[in-house]
């Protein structure tokens, strides 16, 4: 089984190599990216290109992007070129074919990231000789490699799953693009949806339970309570970050904000509206002006 998988990996790698050498099906784009990311960016940014914490997420993202550009062609392209049937009819087990394609894509993404990191190190040390040697920290490098493998594996798995159900490369790429948008934008859309739902509920409660003559004053008080402490938070952020560190400040702010938000639900009377509605006592009556 292992030999069959590596046979499939070698077949895929030869196809990747041919694409790069012939500058087709993404080969030219890969070379342009290698030039920009491996030479131009390191020379311009200097030592910051190596020491920035952004690098931990930078290379996994780029590796996953490169994998996504090739994985759709790995299966759907075989079907479109009428070579998938021949491959399935070979002595290789179906599982070896599937795993081999995924492993080849992951190694491609990892190889792209590592190659550009090494080229970038050479470029930044040559361009900034006064600061040489400029090297990645061992721990940061290991974490980056692990995240790169995981990101490439995720993209390869999603790409193969979609390609198996697509009849053409174009269809696989379109479906894969939609899936990536859902994965990346889904949490943001969910957050906005929950925020919008909360705003609607809060506005409805105010309209139903606050007399019309007091609605403007209650809304003003609502906004005052919501934003009154923002200037204080701006003033305290810098000193607290200098004292305990930026990461601890961000984590502390997130934990404190979540605790206050959830804790407010347990204040006495917070659920009185729901209890009153359950008992059928109704709500306040909004005064209505009647003119003859």
C-alpha atoms as a PDB file:
ATOM      1  CA  UNK A   1       0.000   0.000   0.000  1.00  0.00           C
ATOM      2  CA  UNK A   2       2.756   2.432   0.929  1.00  0.00           C
ATOM      3  CA  UNK A   3       4.629   1.723  -2.313  1.00  0.00           C
ATOM      4  CA  UNK A   4       1.444   2.277  -4.308  1.00  0.00           C
ATOM      5  CA  UNK A   5       0.882   5.618  -2.592  1.00  0.00           C
ATOM      6  CA  UNK A   6       4.395   6.800  -3.380  1.00  0.00           C
ATOM      7  CA  UNK A   7       4.000   5.607  -6.962  1.00  0.00           C
ATOM      8  CA  UNK A   8       0.959   7.871  -7.222  1.00  0.00           C
ATOM      9  CA  UNK A   9       2.806  10.727  -5.520  1.00  0.00           C
ATOM     10  CA  UNK A  10       5.652  10.403  -8.035  1.00  0.00           C
ATOM     11  CA  UNK A  11       3.188  10.458 -10.942  1.00  0.00           C
ATOM     12  CA  UNK A  12       1.539  13.631  -9.612  1.00  0.00           C
ATOM     13  CA  UNK A  13       4.865  15.305  -8.978  1.00  0.00           C
ATOM     14  CA  UNK A  14       5.980  14.658 -12.544  1.00  0.00           C
ATOM     15  CA  UNK A  15       2.799  16.336 -13.764  1.00  0.00           C
ATOM     16  CA  UNK A  16       3.390  19.281 -11.413  1.00  0.00           C
ATOM     17  CA  UNK A  17       6.955  19.547 -12.706  1.00  0.00           C
ATOM     18  CA  UNK A  18       5.797  19.527 -16.325  1.00  0.00           C
ATOM     19  CA  UNK A  19       3.286  22.275 -15.560  1.00  0.00           C
ATOM     20  CA  UNK A  20       5.956  24.442 -13.973  1.00  0.00           C
ATOM     21  CA  UNK A  21       8.508  23.889 -16.722  1.00  0.00           C
ATOM     22  CA  UNK A  22       6.028  24.502 -19.540  1.00  0.00           C
ATOM     23  CA  UNK A  23       4.558  27.552 -17.742  1.00  0.00           C
ATOM     24  CA  UNK A  24       1.001  26.323 -18.216  1.00  0.00           C
ATOM     25  CA  UNK A  25      -1.913  25.582 -15.896  1.00  0.00           C
ATOM     26  CA  UNK A  26      -0.597  27.761 -13.101  1.00  0.00           C
ATOM     27  CA  UNK A  27       3.134  27.326 -13.727  1.00  0.00           C
ATOM     28  CA  UNK A  28       3.696  30.954 -14.731  1.00  0.00           C
ATOM     29  CA  UNK A  29       1.696  32.198 -11.753  1.00  0.00           C
ATOM     30  CA  UNK A  30       3.793  30.051  -9.406  1.00  0.00           C
ATOM     31  CA  UNK A  31       7.027  31.466 -10.822  1.00  0.00           C
ATOM     32  CA  UNK A  32       5.773  35.042 -10.520  1.00  0.00           C
ATOM     33  CA  UNK A  33       4.732  34.405  -6.927  1.00  0.00           C
ATOM     34  CA  UNK A  34       8.122  32.860  -6.173  1.00  0.00           C
ATOM     35  CA  UNK A  35       9.841  35.952  -7.569  1.00  0.00           C
ATOM     36  CA  UNK A  36       7.676  38.348  -5.564  1.00  0.00           C
ATOM     37  CA  UNK A  37       7.552  36.393  -2.312  1.00  0.00           C
ATOM     38  CA  UNK A  38      11.057  34.962  -2.407  1.00  0.00           C
ATOM     39  CA  UNK A  39      13.019  37.966  -3.665  1.00  0.00           C
ATOM     40  CA  UNK A  40      11.127  41.262  -3.881  1.00  0.00           C
ATOM     41  CA  UNK A  41       9.293  41.107  -0.535  1.00  0.00           C
ATOM     42  CA  UNK A  42      12.319  39.987   1.555  1.00  0.00           C
ATOM     43  CA  UNK A  43      14.568  42.660   0.016  1.00  0.00           C
ATOM     44  CA  UNK A  44      12.025  45.414   0.646  1.00  0.00           C
ATOM     45  CA  UNK A  45      11.017  44.361   4.161  1.00  0.00           C
ATOM     46  CA  UNK A  46      14.467  43.391   5.360  1.00  0.00           C
ATOM     47  CA  UNK A  47      14.880  41.619   8.731  1.00  0.00           C
ATOM     48  CA  UNK A  48      11.206  42.293   9.513  1.00  0.00           C
ATOM     49  CA  UNK A  49      10.323  39.742   6.817  1.00  0.00           C
ATOM     50  CA  UNK A  50      11.985  37.076   8.992  1.00  0.00           C
ATOM     51  CA  UNK A  51      11.124  38.232  12.494  1.00  0.00           C
ATOM     52  CA  UNK A  52       7.505  39.335  12.023  1.00  0.00           C
ATOM     53  CA  UNK A  53       4.903  37.184  13.781  1.00  0.00           C
ATOM     54  CA  UNK A  54       2.708  37.425  10.688  1.00  0.00           C
ATOM     55  CA  UNK A  55       5.008  34.899   9.038  1.00  0.00           C
ATOM     56  CA  UNK A  56       3.397  32.116  11.105  1.00  0.00           C
ATOM     57  CA  UNK A  57       0.120  32.506   9.226  1.00  0.00           C
ATOM     58  CA  UNK A  58       1.592  33.962   6.024  1.00  0.00           C
ATOM     59  CA  UNK A  59       3.178  30.823   4.612  1.00  0.00           C
ATOM     60  CA  UNK A  60       0.365  28.389   5.519  1.00  0.00           C
ATOM     61  CA  UNK A  61      -2.081  30.676   3.727  1.00  0.00           C
ATOM     62  CA  UNK A  62       0.077  30.907   0.608  1.00  0.00           C
ATOM     63  CA  UNK A  63       0.756  27.163   0.572  1.00  0.00           C
ATOM     64  CA  UNK A  64      -2.975  26.451   0.857  1.00  0.00           C
ATOM     65  CA  UNK A  65      -3.588  28.882  -2.011  1.00  0.00           C
ATOM     66  CA  UNK A  66      -1.097  27.055  -4.232  1.00  0.00           C
ATOM     67  CA  UNK A  67      -2.632  23.692  -3.340  1.00  0.00           C
ATOM     68  CA  UNK A  68      -6.109  24.973  -4.190  1.00  0.00           C
ATOM     69  CA  UNK A  69      -4.901  26.062  -7.629  1.00  0.00           C
ATOM     70  CA  UNK A  70      -3.714  22.521  -8.493  1.00  0.00           C
ATOM     71  CA  UNK A  71      -5.934  20.103  -6.639  1.00  0.00           C
ATOM     72  CA  UNK A  72      -9.021  20.765  -8.773  1.00  0.00           C
ATOM     73  CA  UNK A  73      -7.096  19.655 -11.840  1.00  0.00           C
ATOM     74  CA  UNK A  74      -5.776  16.584 -10.042  1.00  0.00           C
ATOM     75  CA  UNK A  75      -9.040  14.626 -10.235  1.00  0.00           C
ATOM     76  CA  UNK A  76     -11.466  16.595 -12.387  1.00  0.00           C
ATOM     77  CA  UNK A  77      -8.670  17.214 -14.902  1.00  0.00           C
ATOM     78  CA  UNK A  78      -7.995  13.487 -15.141  1.00  0.00           C
ATOM     79  CA  UNK A  79     -11.664  12.896 -15.841  1.00  0.00           C
ATOM     80  CA  UNK A  80     -11.816  15.702 -18.411  1.00  0.00           C
ATOM     81  CA  UNK A  81      -8.725  14.369 -20.207  1.00  0.00           C
ATOM     82  CA  UNK A  82     -10.192  10.817 -20.069  1.00  0.00           C
ATOM     83  CA  UNK A  83      -7.218   9.488 -18.113  1.00  0.00           C
ATOM     84  CA  UNK A  84      -9.043   8.823 -14.836  1.00  0.00           C
ATOM     85  CA  UNK A  85     -10.626   5.604 -16.142  1.00  0.00           C
ATOM     86  CA  UNK A  86      -7.199   4.306 -17.175  1.00  0.00           C
ATOM     87  CA  UNK A  87      -5.810   5.174 -13.759  1.00  0.00           C
ATOM     88  CA  UNK A  88      -8.652   3.438 -11.935  1.00  0.00           C
ATOM     89  CA  UNK A  89      -8.202   0.349 -14.141  1.00  0.00           C
ATOM     90  CA  UNK A  90      -4.529   0.054 -13.167  1.00  0.00           C
ATOM     91  CA  UNK A  91      -3.227  -2.223 -10.421  1.00  0.00           C
ATOM     92  CA  UNK A  92      -3.200   0.665  -7.939  1.00  0.00           C
ATOM     93  CA  UNK A  93      -5.942   0.497  -5.280  1.00  0.00           C
ATOM     94  CA  UNK A  94      -8.467   3.326  -5.249  1.00  0.00           C
ATOM     95  CA  UNK A  95      -7.387   4.290  -1.744  1.00  0.00           C
ATOM     96  CA  UNK A  96      -3.754   4.565  -2.842  1.00  0.00           C
ATOM     97  CA  UNK A  97      -4.768   6.796  -5.740  1.00  0.00           C
ATOM     98  CA  UNK A  98      -6.792   9.090  -3.503  1.00  0.00           C
ATOM     99  CA  UNK A  99      -4.200   9.279  -0.709  1.00  0.00           C
ATOM    100  CA  UNK A 100      -1.392   9.705  -3.228  1.00  0.00           C
ATOM    101  CA  UNK A 101      -3.064  12.719  -4.821  1.00  0.00           C
ATOM    102  CA  UNK A 102      -3.610  14.327  -1.420  1.00  0.00           C
ATOM    103  CA  UNK A 103      -0.046  13.644  -0.261  1.00  0.00           C
ATOM    104  CA  UNK A 104       1.365  15.000  -3.526  1.00  0.00           C
ATOM    105  CA  UNK A 105      -0.660  18.210  -3.178  1.00  0.00           C
ATOM    106  CA  UNK A 106       0.416  18.649   0.462  1.00  0.00           C
ATOM    107  CA  UNK A 107       4.073  18.127  -0.441  1.00  0.00           C
ATOM    108  CA  UNK A 108       3.686  20.615  -3.285  1.00  0.00           C
ATOM    109  CA  UNK A 109       2.311  23.278  -0.918  1.00  0.00           C
ATOM    110  CA  UNK A 110       4.993  22.538   1.671  1.00  0.00           C
ATOM    111  CA  UNK A 111       7.727  22.551  -0.967  1.00  0.00           C
ATOM    112  CA  UNK A 112       6.485  25.878  -2.345  1.00  0.00           C
ATOM    113  CA  UNK A 113       6.552  27.466   1.116  1.00  0.00           C
ATOM    114  CA  UNK A 114       9.954  26.057   2.138  1.00  0.00           C
ATOM    115  CA  UNK A 115      11.568  26.935  -1.213  1.00  0.00           C
ATOM    116  CA  UNK A 116      10.369  30.526  -0.992  1.00  0.00           C
ATOM    117  CA  UNK A 117      11.462  30.768   2.640  1.00  0.00           C
ATOM    118  CA  UNK A 118      14.981  29.602   1.719  1.00  0.00           C
ATOM    119  CA  UNK A 119      15.183  31.884  -1.332  1.00  0.00           C
ATOM    120  CA  UNK A 120      13.911  34.745   0.819  1.00  0.00           C
ATOM    121  CA  UNK A 121      16.554  34.073   3.488  1.00  0.00           C
ATOM    122  CA  UNK A 122      19.293  34.213   0.862  1.00  0.00           C
ATOM    123  CA  UNK A 123      17.856  37.399  -0.654  1.00  0.00           C
ATOM    124  CA  UNK A 124      17.409  39.217   2.665  1.00  0.00           C
ATOM    125  CA  UNK A 125      20.902  38.277   3.888  1.00  0.00           C
ATOM    126  CA  UNK A 126      22.492  39.421   0.623  1.00  0.00           C
ATOM    127  CA  UNK A 127      20.523  42.689   0.516  1.00  0.00           C
ATOM    128  CA  UNK A 128      21.068  43.448   4.210  1.00  0.00           C
ATOM    129  CA  UNK A 129      24.607  42.247   4.837  1.00  0.00           C
ATOM    130  CA  UNK A 130      25.007  44.594   7.784  1.00  0.00           C
ATOM    131  CA  UNK A 131      22.425  42.605   9.763  1.00  0.00           C
ATOM    132  CA  UNK A 132      23.513  39.122   8.633  1.00  0.00           C
ATOM    133  CA  UNK A 133      23.011  36.387   9.561  1.00  0.00           C
ATOM    134  CA  UNK A 134      19.242  36.806   9.537  1.00  0.00           C
ATOM    135  CA  UNK A 135      17.569  33.492  10.348  1.00  0.00           C
ATOM    136  CA  UNK A 136      14.180  32.175  11.409  1.00  0.00           C
ATOM    137  CA  UNK A 137      13.786  31.180  15.036  1.00  0.00           C
ATOM    138  CA  UNK A 138      13.729  27.402  15.427  1.00  0.00           C
ATOM    139  CA  UNK A 139      10.406  27.318  17.286  1.00  0.00           C
ATOM    140  CA  UNK A 140       8.709  29.708  14.880  1.00  0.00           C
ATOM    141  CA  UNK A 141      10.027  27.762  11.883  1.00  0.00           C
ATOM    142  CA  UNK A 142       8.715  24.448  13.239  1.00  0.00           C
ATOM    143  CA  UNK A 143       5.298  25.941  14.032  1.00  0.00           C
ATOM    144  CA  UNK A 144       5.138  27.480  10.553  1.00  0.00           C
ATOM    145  CA  UNK A 145       5.943  24.151   8.902  1.00  0.00           C
ATOM    146  CA  UNK A 146       3.318  22.309  10.959  1.00  0.00           C
ATOM    147  CA  UNK A 147       0.642  24.900  10.155  1.00  0.00           C
ATOM    148  CA  UNK A 148       1.651  24.815   6.486  1.00  0.00           C
ATOM    149  CA  UNK A 149       1.187  21.047   6.348  1.00  0.00           C
ATOM    150  CA  UNK A 150      -2.191  21.253   8.101  1.00  0.00           C
ATOM    151  CA  UNK A 151      -3.442  24.075   5.861  1.00  0.00           C
ATOM    152  CA  UNK A 152      -2.304  22.249   2.721  1.00  0.00           C
ATOM    153  CA  UNK A 153      -3.903  19.027   3.949  1.00  0.00           C
ATOM    154  CA  UNK A 154      -7.205  20.813   4.554  1.00  0.00           C
ATOM    155  CA  UNK A 155      -7.210  22.377   1.088  1.00  0.00           C
ATOM    156  CA  UNK A 156      -6.175  19.115  -0.570  1.00  0.00           C
ATOM    157  CA  UNK A 157      -8.901  17.144   1.205  1.00  0.00           C
ATOM    158  CA  UNK A 158     -11.598  19.662   0.293  1.00  0.00           C
ATOM    159  CA  UNK A 159     -10.327  19.891  -3.288  1.00  0.00           C
ATOM    160  CA  UNK A 160     -10.295  16.130  -3.859  1.00  0.00           C
ATOM    161  CA  UNK A 161     -13.753  15.760  -2.302  1.00  0.00           C
ATOM    162  CA  UNK A 162     -15.161  18.424  -4.640  1.00  0.00           C
ATOM    163  CA  UNK A 163     -13.261  17.211  -7.710  1.00  0.00           C
ATOM    164  CA  UNK A 164     -14.629  13.688  -7.322  1.00  0.00           C
ATOM    165  CA  UNK A 165     -18.114  15.133  -7.860  1.00  0.00           C
ATOM    166  CA  UNK A 166     -17.257  17.565 -10.663  1.00  0.00           C
ATOM    167  CA  UNK A 167     -17.318  16.629 -14.325  1.00  0.00           C
ATOM    168  CA  UNK A 168     -14.948  19.380 -15.509  1.00  0.00           C
ATOM    169  CA  UNK A 169     -12.037  21.354 -14.088  1.00  0.00           C
ATOM    170  CA  UNK A 170     -13.994  24.605 -14.445  1.00  0.00           C
ATOM    171  CA  UNK A 171     -16.896  23.219 -12.433  1.00  0.00           C
ATOM    172  CA  UNK A 172     -14.521  21.932  -9.746  1.00  0.00           C
ATOM    173  CA  UNK A 173     -12.757  25.298  -9.527  1.00  0.00           C
ATOM    174  CA  UNK A 174     -16.029  27.201  -9.255  1.00  0.00           C
ATOM    175  CA  UNK A 175     -17.387  24.881  -6.556  1.00  0.00           C
ATOM    176  CA  UNK A 176     -14.076  24.947  -4.725  1.00  0.00           C
ATOM    177  CA  UNK A 177     -14.062  28.749  -4.812  1.00  0.00           C
ATOM    178  CA  UNK A 178     -17.541  28.870  -3.284  1.00  0.00           C
ATOM    179  CA  UNK A 179     -16.495  26.394  -0.587  1.00  0.00           C
ATOM    180  CA  UNK A 180     -13.451  28.518   0.310  1.00  0.00           C
ATOM    181  CA  UNK A 181     -15.604  31.645   0.526  1.00  0.00           C
ATOM    182  CA  UNK A 182     -18.017  29.848   2.851  1.00  0.00           C
ATOM    183  CA  UNK A 183     -15.157  28.596   5.048  1.00  0.00           C
ATOM    184  CA  UNK A 184     -13.438  31.971   5.263  1.00  0.00           C
ATOM    185  CA  UNK A 185     -16.476  34.257   5.324  1.00  0.00           C
ATOM    186  CA  UNK A 186     -18.817  31.912   7.197  1.00  0.00           C
ATOM    187  CA  UNK A 187     -17.721  32.917  10.718  1.00  0.00           C
ATOM    188  CA  UNK A 188     -17.951  36.606   9.798  1.00  0.00           C
ATOM    189  CA  UNK A 189     -21.419  36.177   8.297  1.00  0.00           C
ATOM    190  CA  UNK A 190     -22.537  34.197  11.358  1.00  0.00           C
ATOM    191  CA  UNK A 191     -21.265  36.925  13.688  1.00  0.00           C
ATOM    192  CA  UNK A 192     -23.053  39.641  11.706  1.00  0.00           C
ATOM    193  CA  UNK A 193     -26.237  37.568  11.622  1.00  0.00           C
ATOM    194  CA  UNK A 194     -26.198  37.105  15.397  1.00  0.00           C
ATOM    195  CA  UNK A 195     -25.461  40.784  15.905  1.00  0.00           C
ATOM    196  CA  UNK A 196     -28.328  41.767  13.609  1.00  0.00           C
ATOM    197  CA  UNK A 197     -30.692  39.363  15.383  1.00  0.00           C
ATOM    198  CA  UNK A 198     -29.752  40.820  18.762  1.00  0.00           C
ATOM    199  CA  UNK A 199     -30.287  44.357  17.509  1.00  0.00           C
ATOM    200  CA  UNK A 200     -33.728  43.477  16.169  1.00  0.00           C
ATOM    201  CA  UNK A 201     -34.754  41.819  19.442  1.00  0.00           C
ATOM    202  CA  UNK A 202     -33.469  44.754  21.512  1.00  0.00           C
ATOM    203  CA  UNK A 203     -35.193  47.349  19.316  1.00  0.00           C
ATOM    204  CA  UNK A 204     -38.456  45.376  19.423  1.00  0.00           C
ATOM    205  CA  UNK A 205     -38.350  45.125  23.217  1.00  0.00           C
ATOM    206  CA  UNK A 206     -37.826  48.871  23.521  1.00  0.00           C
ATOM    207  CA  UNK A 207     -40.735  49.596  21.205  1.00  0.00           C
ATOM    208  CA  UNK A 208     -43.077  47.255  23.094  1.00  0.00           C
ATOM    209  CA  UNK A 209     -42.143  48.006  26.681  1.00  0.00           C
ATOM    210  CA  UNK A 210     -41.103  51.668  26.720  1.00  0.00           C
ATOM    211  CA  UNK A 211     -43.777  54.392  26.570  1.00  0.00           C
ATOM    212  CA  UNK A 212     -43.605  56.448  23.409  1.00  0.00           C
ATOM    213  CA  UNK A 213     -43.029  59.663  25.345  1.00  0.00           C
ATOM    214  CA  UNK A 214     -39.858  58.180  26.902  1.00  0.00           C
ATOM    215  CA  UNK A 215     -38.526  56.225  23.942  1.00  0.00           C
ATOM    216  CA  UNK A 216     -36.107  58.944  22.817  1.00  0.00           C
ATOM    217  CA  UNK A 217     -34.643  59.407  26.294  1.00  0.00           C
ATOM    218  CA  UNK A 218     -34.315  55.647  26.847  1.00  0.00           C
ATOM    219  CA  UNK A 219     -32.579  55.213  23.467  1.00  0.00           C
ATOM    220  CA  UNK A 220     -30.183  58.067  24.323  1.00  0.00           C
ATOM    221  CA  UNK A 221     -29.398  56.467  27.671  1.00  0.00           C
ATOM    222  CA  UNK A 222     -28.886  53.138  25.902  1.00  0.00           C
ATOM    223  CA  UNK A 223     -26.282  54.658  23.580  1.00  0.00           C
ATOM    224  CA  UNK A 224     -24.645  56.561  26.449  1.00  0.00           C
ATOM    225  CA  UNK A 225     -24.179  53.376  28.481  1.00  0.00           C
ATOM    226  CA  UNK A 226     -22.944  51.512  25.397  1.00  0.00           C
ATOM    227  CA  UNK A 227     -20.195  53.930  24.342  1.00  0.00           C
ATOM    228  CA  UNK A 228     -19.484  56.126  27.364  1.00  0.00           C
ATOM    229  CA  UNK A 229     -16.487  54.075  28.491  1.00  0.00           C
ATOM    230  CA  UNK A 230     -14.843  53.837  25.054  1.00  0.00           C
ATOM    231  CA  UNK A 231     -12.569  56.903  25.612  1.00  0.00           C
ATOM    232  CA  UNK A 232     -11.479  55.362  28.922  1.00  0.00           C
ATOM    233  CA  UNK A 233     -10.656  52.079  27.184  1.00  0.00           C
ATOM    234  CA  UNK A 234      -8.580  53.938  24.581  1.00  0.00           C
ATOM    235  CA  UNK A 235      -6.680  55.715  27.343  1.00  0.00           C
ATOM    236  CA  UNK A 236      -5.997  52.510  29.303  1.00  0.00           C
ATOM    237  CA  UNK A 237      -5.077  50.202  26.412  1.00  0.00           C
ATOM    238  CA  UNK A 238      -1.540  51.515  25.842  1.00  0.00           C
ATOM    239  CA  UNK A 239      -0.450  51.537  29.530  1.00  0.00           C
ATOM    240  CA  UNK A 240      -1.930  48.091  30.166  1.00  0.00           C
ATOM    241  CA  UNK A 241      -0.308  46.672  27.021  1.00  0.00           C
ATOM    242  CA  UNK A 242       3.054  48.129  28.081  1.00  0.00           C
ATOM    243  CA  UNK A 243       2.645  46.604  31.542  1.00  0.00           C
ATOM    244  CA  UNK A 244       1.406  43.078  30.755  1.00  0.00           C
ATOM    245  CA  UNK A 245       2.041  42.770  27.009  1.00  0.00           C
ATOM    246  CA  UNK A 246      -0.123  43.077  23.899  1.00  0.00           C
ATOM    247  CA  UNK A 247      -1.196  39.414  23.818  1.00  0.00           C
ATOM    248  CA  UNK A 248      -2.257  39.387  27.476  1.00  0.00           C
ATOM    249  CA  UNK A 249      -4.155  42.644  26.958  1.00  0.00           C
ATOM    250  CA  UNK A 250      -6.095  41.278  23.994  1.00  0.00           C
ATOM    251  CA  UNK A 251      -6.884  37.987  25.721  1.00  0.00           C
ATOM    252  CA  UNK A 252      -7.896  39.782  28.921  1.00  0.00           C
ATOM    253  CA  UNK A 253     -10.147  42.178  27.030  1.00  0.00           C
ATOM    254  CA  UNK A 254     -11.836  39.281  25.215  1.00  0.00           C
ATOM    255  CA  UNK A 255     -12.385  37.301  28.419  1.00  0.00           C
ATOM    256  CA  UNK A 256     -13.612  40.338  30.346  1.00  0.00           C
ATOM    257  CA  UNK A 257     -15.973  41.376  27.552  1.00  0.00           C
ATOM    258  CA  UNK A 258     -17.427  37.887  27.270  1.00  0.00           C
ATOM    259  CA  UNK A 259     -17.822  37.566  31.048  1.00  0.00           C
ATOM    260  CA  UNK A 260     -19.616  40.912  31.348  1.00  0.00           C
ATOM    261  CA  UNK A 261     -21.902  40.116  28.416  1.00  0.00           C
ATOM    262  CA  UNK A 262     -22.855  36.677  29.729  1.00  0.00           C
ATOM    263  CA  UNK A 263     -23.028  37.853  33.331  1.00  0.00           C
ATOM    264  CA  UNK A 264     -25.566  40.538  32.477  1.00  0.00           C
ATOM    265  CA  UNK A 265     -28.045  37.812  31.584  1.00  0.00           C
ATOM    266  CA  UNK A 266     -28.089  36.645  35.208  1.00  0.00           C
ATOM    267  CA  UNK A 267     -28.840  40.048  36.730  1.00  0.00           C
ATOM    268  CA  UNK A 268     -32.090  40.172  38.748  1.00  0.00           C
ATOM    269  CA  UNK A 269     -34.989  41.180  36.543  1.00  0.00           C
ATOM    270  CA  UNK A 270     -33.130  40.570  33.280  1.00  0.00           C
ATOM    271  CA  UNK A 271     -35.572  37.807  32.296  1.00  0.00           C
ATOM    272  CA  UNK A 272     -38.615  39.497  33.833  1.00  0.00           C
ATOM    273  CA  UNK A 273     -39.993  40.292  30.384  1.00  0.00           C
ATOM    274  CA  UNK A 274     -39.983  36.617  29.405  1.00  0.00           C
ATOM    275  CA  UNK A 275     -41.544  35.590  32.712  1.00  0.00           C
ATOM    276  CA  UNK A 276     -44.239  38.234  32.447  1.00  0.00           C
ATOM    277  CA  UNK A 277     -45.019  37.138  28.912  1.00  0.00           C
ATOM    278  CA  UNK A 278     -45.240  33.506  30.046  1.00  0.00           C
ATOM    279  CA  UNK A 279     -47.753  34.437  32.751  1.00  0.00           C
ATOM    280  CA  UNK A 280     -49.814  36.318  30.215  1.00  0.00           C
ATOM    281  CA  UNK A 281     -49.608  39.625  32.034  1.00  0.00           C
ATOM    282  CA  UNK A 282     -48.850  41.526  28.872  1.00  0.00           C
ATOM    283  CA  UNK A 283     -46.652  44.601  28.649  1.00  0.00           C
ATOM    284  CA  UNK A 284     -46.902  48.296  29.132  1.00  0.00           C
ATOM    285  CA  UNK A 285     -49.391  50.082  26.983  1.00  0.00           C
ATOM    286  CA  UNK A 286     -47.914  52.724  24.766  1.00  0.00           C
ATOM    287  CA  UNK A 287     -49.906  55.944  25.185  1.00  0.00           C
ATOM    288  CA  UNK A 288     -51.785  57.004  22.092  1.00  0.00           C
ATOM    289  CA  UNK A 289     -52.756  60.599  21.477  1.00  0.00           C
ATOM    290  CA  UNK A 290     -56.303  60.866  20.164  1.00  0.00           C
ATOM    291  CA  UNK A 291     -57.362  64.113  18.545  1.00  0.00           C
ATOM    292  CA  UNK A 292     -60.819  64.999  17.420  1.00  0.00           C
END
